[in-house]
Structure formats: structure tokens, C-alpha cells
Amino acid sequence: EATLRRRVLNGELPAAVLAVLIVVECSYIPPKVGQKYLLGMVLCPSMLIAILPVIVRSAIGMPLFGSNYKEHILCGVELWLMFSTALPLLVYFVCPCVWLYRQLLMCQ
């Protein structure tokens, strides 16, 4: 880092290299904070989206996972598909929001 700064100040490298370095340094998220982001903004909502059909079935008075083995299989597959579909979608939408939030913190 110090070498890059010195080379930018000496005119050997464009200032954009230093700007990119500063953005990368300021955008770093410690693992503990990243874990909270992952659990709070991605995994928990994905699980909630996945179990939503079960909650709806319970609310209307139907058995949670169906009354026969075919419905059990269907509900199990549905849970996995809902979770595996919701997880990448939430990652796709949450990551830019976290990045923008970190950039706004950097600007302050």
C-alpha cells in the first residue's frame, strides 16, 4: 500500500490506482459483520420465504406437510426449491444494497 501511494505521488502511476485502493480498503467488511449481514439479510429471509407455504397451510387448517406420502414429498421438494431460489435472489439484491451502504458510510 505504501509503495503504491509513493508511486502515485511520484507520478509513476495514475491517481485512479490510488482511488481504487482507497475504495477497496474502505469497503472491507470484517468477517463478524459480514456474518451478521449474511444471516440477517439473506439466510433468515430465505428460510422465511421457504416456509411460507407451510405457514399458509397451517393458517387455513390443512395438515402442514399434507395427509399422504405424495404430499409429504411434494412439500419437501417445494421447501428446498423455494429456499434454493430465494437465496440467490436475495444475495443478488442485498449485496448491492450493502455495498451502497458501506459507500455512504465512507463518504461521511
N, C-alpha and C. Protein backbone atom coordinates (compact mmCIF):
# COMPACT_ATOMS: atom_id res chain seq x y z
N GLU A 1 0.83 -1.19 0.00
CA GLU A 1 0.00 0.00 0.00
C GLU A 1 0.88 1.26 0.00
N ALA A 2 1.86 1.29 0.87
CA ALA A 2 2.73 2.47 0.94
C ALA A 2 3.51 2.63 -0.37
N THR A 3 3.89 1.50 -0.96
CA THR A 3 4.60 1.55 -2.24
C THR A 3 3.72 2.15 -3.33
N LEU A 4 2.46 1.72 -3.35
CA LEU A 4 1.54 2.28 -4.35
C LEU A 4 1.34 3.77 -4.14
N ARG A 5 1.16 4.18 -2.91
CA ARG A 5 0.98 5.61 -2.63
C ARG A 5 2.21 6.42 -3.07
N ARG A 6 3.38 5.89 -2.77
CA ARG A 6 4.61 6.59 -3.15
C ARG A 6 4.73 6.68 -4.66
N ARG A 7 4.38 5.60 -5.36
CA ARG A 7 4.48 5.63 -6.83
C ARG A 7 3.47 6.59 -7.43
N VAL A 8 2.27 6.71 -6.81
CA VAL A 8 1.28 7.67 -7.31
C VAL A 8 1.78 9.09 -7.08
N LEU A 9 2.32 9.35 -5.89
CA LEU A 9 2.82 10.69 -5.58
C LEU A 9 4.00 11.07 -6.47
N ASN A 10 4.81 10.10 -6.87
CA ASN A 10 5.95 10.37 -7.77
C ASN A 10 5.53 10.49 -9.22
N GLY A 11 4.25 10.22 -9.50
CA GLY A 11 3.77 10.34 -10.87
C GLY A 11 3.98 9.10 -11.72
N GLU A 12 4.40 8.01 -11.12
CA GLU A 12 4.62 6.78 -11.89
C GLU A 12 3.32 6.06 -12.22
N LEU A 13 2.31 6.22 -11.37
CA LEU A 13 1.01 5.58 -11.57
C LEU A 13 -0.08 6.65 -11.58
N PRO A 14 -1.18 6.40 -12.31
CA PRO A 14 -2.28 7.38 -12.28
C PRO A 14 -2.96 7.39 -10.92
N ALA A 15 -3.57 8.50 -10.60
CA ALA A 15 -4.24 8.66 -9.31
C ALA A 15 -5.44 7.71 -9.18
N ALA A 16 -5.96 7.22 -10.31
CA ALA A 16 -7.09 6.29 -10.26
C ALA A 16 -6.71 5.01 -9.52
N VAL A 17 -5.44 4.60 -9.60
CA VAL A 17 -5.00 3.40 -8.88
C VAL A 17 -5.13 3.63 -7.38
N LEU A 18 -4.76 4.80 -6.92
CA LEU A 18 -4.89 5.12 -5.50
C LEU A 18 -6.37 5.21 -5.10
N ALA A 19 -7.19 5.74 -5.97
CA ALA A 19 -8.62 5.84 -5.68
C ALA A 19 -9.24 4.45 -5.54
N VAL A 20 -8.87 3.54 -6.43
CA VAL A 20 -9.37 2.16 -6.35
C VAL A 20 -8.89 1.51 -5.06
N LEU A 21 -7.64 1.73 -4.70
CA LEU A 21 -7.09 1.18 -3.47
C LEU A 21 -7.86 1.69 -2.25
N ILE A 22 -8.17 2.97 -2.23
CA ILE A 22 -8.91 3.54 -1.10
C ILE A 22 -10.32 2.95 -1.02
N VAL A 23 -10.98 2.80 -2.17
CA VAL A 23 -12.33 2.22 -2.18
C VAL A 23 -12.29 0.79 -1.66
N VAL A 24 -11.30 0.01 -2.10
CA VAL A 24 -11.19 -1.37 -1.65
C VAL A 24 -10.92 -1.43 -0.15
N GLU A 25 -10.06 -0.57 0.34
CA GLU A 25 -9.76 -0.55 1.78
C GLU A 25 -10.99 -0.15 2.59
N CYS A 26 -11.73 0.83 2.12
CA CYS A 26 -12.89 1.31 2.88
C CYS A 26 -14.11 0.40 2.72
N SER A 27 -14.12 -0.45 1.72
CA SER A 27 -15.26 -1.34 1.51
C SER A 27 -15.08 -2.67 2.22
N TYR A 28 -13.96 -2.87 2.89
CA TYR A 28 -13.72 -4.12 3.59
C TYR A 28 -14.72 -4.29 4.72
N ILE A 29 -15.30 -5.46 4.80
CA ILE A 29 -16.24 -5.79 5.87
C ILE A 29 -15.60 -6.89 6.71
N PRO A 30 -15.41 -6.68 7.99
CA PRO A 30 -14.85 -7.73 8.83
C PRO A 30 -15.73 -8.97 8.82
N PRO A 31 -15.15 -10.16 9.01
CA PRO A 31 -15.93 -11.40 8.95
C PRO A 31 -17.12 -11.44 9.92
N LYS A 32 -16.98 -10.90 11.12
CA LYS A 32 -18.10 -10.92 12.07
C LYS A 32 -19.28 -10.09 11.55
N VAL A 33 -18.98 -8.93 10.97
CA VAL A 33 -20.04 -8.07 10.43
C VAL A 33 -20.65 -8.73 9.19
N GLY A 34 -19.81 -9.31 8.34
CA GLY A 34 -20.31 -10.00 7.16
C GLY A 34 -21.20 -11.17 7.51
N GLN A 35 -20.86 -11.87 8.59
CA GLN A 35 -21.68 -12.98 9.04
C GLN A 35 -23.05 -12.48 9.48
N LYS A 36 -23.09 -11.34 10.16
CA LYS A 36 -24.38 -10.77 10.56
C LYS A 36 -25.20 -10.37 9.34
N TYR A 37 -24.54 -9.78 8.33
CA TYR A 37 -25.24 -9.43 7.10
C TYR A 37 -25.80 -10.68 6.43
N LEU A 38 -24.99 -11.72 6.37
CA LEU A 38 -25.42 -12.95 5.70
C LEU A 38 -26.60 -13.57 6.41
N LEU A 39 -26.51 -13.69 7.73
CA LEU A 39 -27.60 -14.32 8.47
C LEU A 39 -28.85 -13.44 8.50
N GLY A 40 -28.65 -12.16 8.78
CA GLY A 40 -29.80 -11.27 8.97
C GLY A 40 -30.49 -10.85 7.70
N MET A 41 -29.75 -10.71 6.63
CA MET A 41 -30.35 -10.18 5.40
C MET A 41 -30.55 -11.21 4.30
N VAL A 42 -29.95 -12.40 4.45
CA VAL A 42 -30.05 -13.37 3.37
C VAL A 42 -30.62 -14.71 3.85
N LEU A 43 -29.98 -15.34 4.81
CA LEU A 43 -30.40 -16.69 5.20
C LEU A 43 -31.75 -16.70 5.91
N CYS A 44 -31.95 -15.83 6.88
CA CYS A 44 -33.22 -15.81 7.61
C CYS A 44 -34.41 -15.47 6.71
N PRO A 45 -34.32 -14.43 5.88
CA PRO A 45 -35.44 -14.18 4.97
C PRO A 45 -35.67 -15.32 3.96
N SER A 46 -34.59 -15.98 3.52
CA SER A 46 -34.75 -17.11 2.61
C SER A 46 -35.50 -18.25 3.28
N MET A 47 -35.17 -18.50 4.54
CA MET A 47 -35.88 -19.55 5.28
C MET A 47 -37.34 -19.17 5.46
N LEU A 48 -37.60 -17.91 5.75
CA LEU A 48 -38.99 -17.45 5.91
C LEU A 48 -39.77 -17.62 4.62
N ILE A 49 -39.16 -17.27 3.50
CA ILE A 49 -39.82 -17.44 2.20
C ILE A 49 -40.07 -18.91 1.94
N ALA A 50 -39.13 -19.77 2.33
CA ALA A 50 -39.28 -21.20 2.08
C ALA A 50 -40.40 -21.82 2.90
N ILE A 51 -40.56 -21.38 4.16
CA ILE A 51 -41.60 -21.99 5.00
C ILE A 51 -42.94 -21.26 4.90
N LEU A 52 -43.02 -20.23 4.09
CA LEU A 52 -44.27 -19.50 3.93
C LEU A 52 -45.43 -20.40 3.47
N PRO A 53 -45.24 -21.31 2.50
CA PRO A 53 -46.36 -22.20 2.14
C PRO A 53 -46.83 -23.06 3.31
N VAL A 54 -45.91 -23.48 4.16
CA VAL A 54 -46.29 -24.28 5.33
C VAL A 54 -47.11 -23.43 6.30
N ILE A 55 -46.71 -22.18 6.47
CA ILE A 55 -47.45 -21.28 7.35
C ILE A 55 -48.86 -21.03 6.80
N VAL A 56 -48.96 -20.86 5.50
CA VAL A 56 -50.28 -20.64 4.88
C VAL A 56 -51.15 -21.87 5.04
N ARG A 57 -50.57 -23.07 4.83
CA ARG A 57 -51.34 -24.30 5.00
C ARG A 57 -51.83 -24.41 6.44
N SER A 58 -50.99 -24.04 7.39
CA SER A 58 -51.39 -24.10 8.79
C SER A 58 -52.50 -23.10 9.08
N ALA A 59 -52.42 -21.92 8.48
CA ALA A 59 -53.42 -20.87 8.73
C ALA A 59 -54.80 -21.24 8.21
N ILE A 60 -54.85 -21.99 7.12
CA ILE A 60 -56.16 -22.36 6.56
C ILE A 60 -56.65 -23.70 7.08
N GLY A 61 -55.91 -24.30 8.02
CA GLY A 61 -56.39 -25.50 8.68
C GLY A 61 -56.02 -26.81 8.01
N MET A 62 -55.15 -26.79 7.04
CA MET A 62 -54.72 -28.03 6.38
C MET A 62 -53.54 -28.62 7.14
N PRO A 63 -53.29 -29.93 6.99
CA PRO A 63 -52.09 -30.51 7.61
C PRO A 63 -50.84 -29.83 7.04
N LEU A 64 -49.84 -29.62 7.90
CA LEU A 64 -48.66 -28.84 7.49
C LEU A 64 -47.98 -29.39 6.25
N PHE A 65 -47.71 -30.68 6.24
CA PHE A 65 -46.98 -31.27 5.11
C PHE A 65 -47.84 -32.24 4.32
N GLY A 66 -49.13 -32.08 4.39
CA GLY A 66 -50.02 -32.94 3.63
C GLY A 66 -50.50 -34.13 4.44
N SER A 67 -51.41 -34.90 3.82
CA SER A 67 -52.01 -36.02 4.54
C SER A 67 -51.52 -37.38 4.03
N ASN A 68 -50.82 -37.42 2.90
CA ASN A 68 -50.30 -38.70 2.42
C ASN A 68 -48.84 -38.53 1.98
N TYR A 69 -48.19 -39.62 1.62
CA TYR A 69 -46.76 -39.56 1.31
C TYR A 69 -46.46 -38.73 0.07
N LYS A 70 -47.36 -38.67 -0.90
CA LYS A 70 -47.12 -37.86 -2.09
C LYS A 70 -47.07 -36.38 -1.74
N GLU A 71 -47.97 -35.96 -0.87
CA GLU A 71 -47.96 -34.56 -0.44
C GLU A 71 -46.73 -34.26 0.42
N HIS A 72 -46.28 -35.23 1.22
CA HIS A 72 -45.05 -35.05 2.01
C HIS A 72 -43.86 -34.82 1.09
N ILE A 73 -43.75 -35.63 0.05
CA ILE A 73 -42.65 -35.49 -0.91
C ILE A 73 -42.74 -34.14 -1.61
N LEU A 74 -43.95 -33.79 -2.06
CA LEU A 74 -44.15 -32.52 -2.76
C LEU A 74 -43.78 -31.34 -1.86
N CYS A 75 -44.19 -31.36 -0.61
CA CYS A 75 -43.87 -30.26 0.30
C CYS A 75 -42.38 -30.19 0.60
N GLY A 76 -41.73 -31.35 0.73
CA GLY A 76 -40.29 -31.36 0.95
C GLY A 76 -39.53 -30.78 -0.23
N VAL A 77 -39.92 -31.18 -1.43
CA VAL A 77 -39.28 -30.63 -2.63
C VAL A 77 -39.58 -29.14 -2.76
N GLU A 78 -40.81 -28.76 -2.44
CA GLU A 78 -41.18 -27.35 -2.51
C GLU A 78 -40.36 -26.50 -1.54
N LEU A 79 -40.13 -27.00 -0.32
CA LEU A 79 -39.31 -26.27 0.64
C LEU A 79 -37.90 -26.05 0.09
N TRP A 80 -37.31 -27.11 -0.44
CA TRP A 80 -35.94 -26.99 -0.97
C TRP A 80 -35.90 -26.03 -2.16
N LEU A 81 -36.86 -26.17 -3.07
CA LEU A 81 -36.86 -25.30 -4.25
C LEU A 81 -37.10 -23.84 -3.88
N MET A 82 -37.98 -23.59 -2.93
CA MET A 82 -38.24 -22.21 -2.51
C MET A 82 -36.98 -21.61 -1.88
N PHE A 83 -36.30 -22.39 -1.01
CA PHE A 83 -35.10 -21.89 -0.36
C PHE A 83 -33.98 -21.67 -1.37
N SER A 84 -33.77 -22.64 -2.25
CA SER A 84 -32.66 -22.52 -3.20
C SER A 84 -32.93 -21.47 -4.27
N THR A 85 -34.16 -21.08 -4.46
CA THR A 85 -34.48 -20.00 -5.39
C THR A 85 -34.40 -18.64 -4.70
N ALA A 86 -34.87 -18.57 -3.47
CA ALA A 86 -34.89 -17.29 -2.75
C ALA A 86 -33.48 -16.85 -2.36
N LEU A 87 -32.61 -17.80 -2.03
CA LEU A 87 -31.27 -17.44 -1.57
C LEU A 87 -30.48 -16.64 -2.61
N PRO A 88 -30.34 -17.13 -3.86
CA PRO A 88 -29.58 -16.32 -4.82
C PRO A 88 -30.26 -15.00 -5.17
N LEU A 89 -31.59 -14.98 -5.17
CA LEU A 89 -32.29 -13.72 -5.46
C LEU A 89 -32.01 -12.69 -4.37
N LEU A 90 -32.06 -13.11 -3.11
CA LEU A 90 -31.77 -12.17 -2.04
C LEU A 90 -30.32 -11.73 -2.06
N VAL A 91 -29.40 -12.65 -2.36
CA VAL A 91 -27.99 -12.26 -2.46
C VAL A 91 -27.83 -11.23 -3.57
N TYR A 92 -28.51 -11.44 -4.68
CA TYR A 92 -28.42 -10.54 -5.82
C TYR A 92 -28.90 -9.14 -5.46
N PHE A 93 -29.94 -9.05 -4.62
CA PHE A 93 -30.48 -7.75 -4.27
C PHE A 93 -29.84 -7.14 -3.02
N VAL A 94 -29.40 -7.97 -2.07
CA VAL A 94 -28.85 -7.46 -0.82
C VAL A 94 -27.42 -6.97 -0.98
N CYS A 95 -26.59 -7.68 -1.74
CA CYS A 95 -25.18 -7.30 -1.87
C CYS A 95 -25.00 -5.87 -2.39
N PRO A 96 -25.69 -5.45 -3.45
CA PRO A 96 -25.53 -4.05 -3.87
C PRO A 96 -26.01 -3.05 -2.81
N CYS A 97 -27.04 -3.40 -2.06
CA CYS A 97 -27.52 -2.50 -1.00
C CYS A 97 -26.47 -2.36 0.10
N VAL A 98 -25.83 -3.48 0.46
CA VAL A 98 -24.78 -3.43 1.48
C VAL A 98 -23.60 -2.62 0.97
N TRP A 99 -23.26 -2.82 -0.31
CA TRP A 99 -22.14 -2.07 -0.90
C TRP A 99 -22.44 -0.57 -0.88
N LEU A 100 -23.66 -0.19 -1.29
CA LEU A 100 -24.04 1.22 -1.30
C LEU A 100 -24.03 1.79 0.12
N TYR A 101 -24.52 1.04 1.08
CA TYR A 101 -24.49 1.49 2.48
C TYR A 101 -23.07 1.73 2.95
N ARG A 102 -22.17 0.82 2.60
CA ARG A 102 -20.76 0.99 3.00
C ARG A 102 -20.15 2.21 2.31
N GLN A 103 -20.52 2.48 1.07
CA GLN A 103 -20.01 3.64 0.36
C GLN A 103 -20.53 4.94 1.00
N LEU A 104 -21.78 4.93 1.42
CA LEU A 104 -22.34 6.11 2.10
C LEU A 104 -21.63 6.34 3.43
N LEU A 105 -21.32 5.26 4.14
CA LEU A 105 -20.56 5.42 5.38
C LEU A 105 -19.17 5.99 5.09
N MET A 106 -18.56 5.56 3.99
CA MET A 106 -17.24 6.04 3.63
C MET A 106 -17.29 7.54 3.31
N CYS A 107 -18.37 8.00 2.70
CA CYS A 107 -18.49 9.41 2.33
C CYS A 107 -18.66 10.31 3.55
N GLN A 108 -19.19 9.77 4.62
CA GLN A 108 -19.38 10.60 5.82
C GLN A 108 -18.04 10.87 6.41
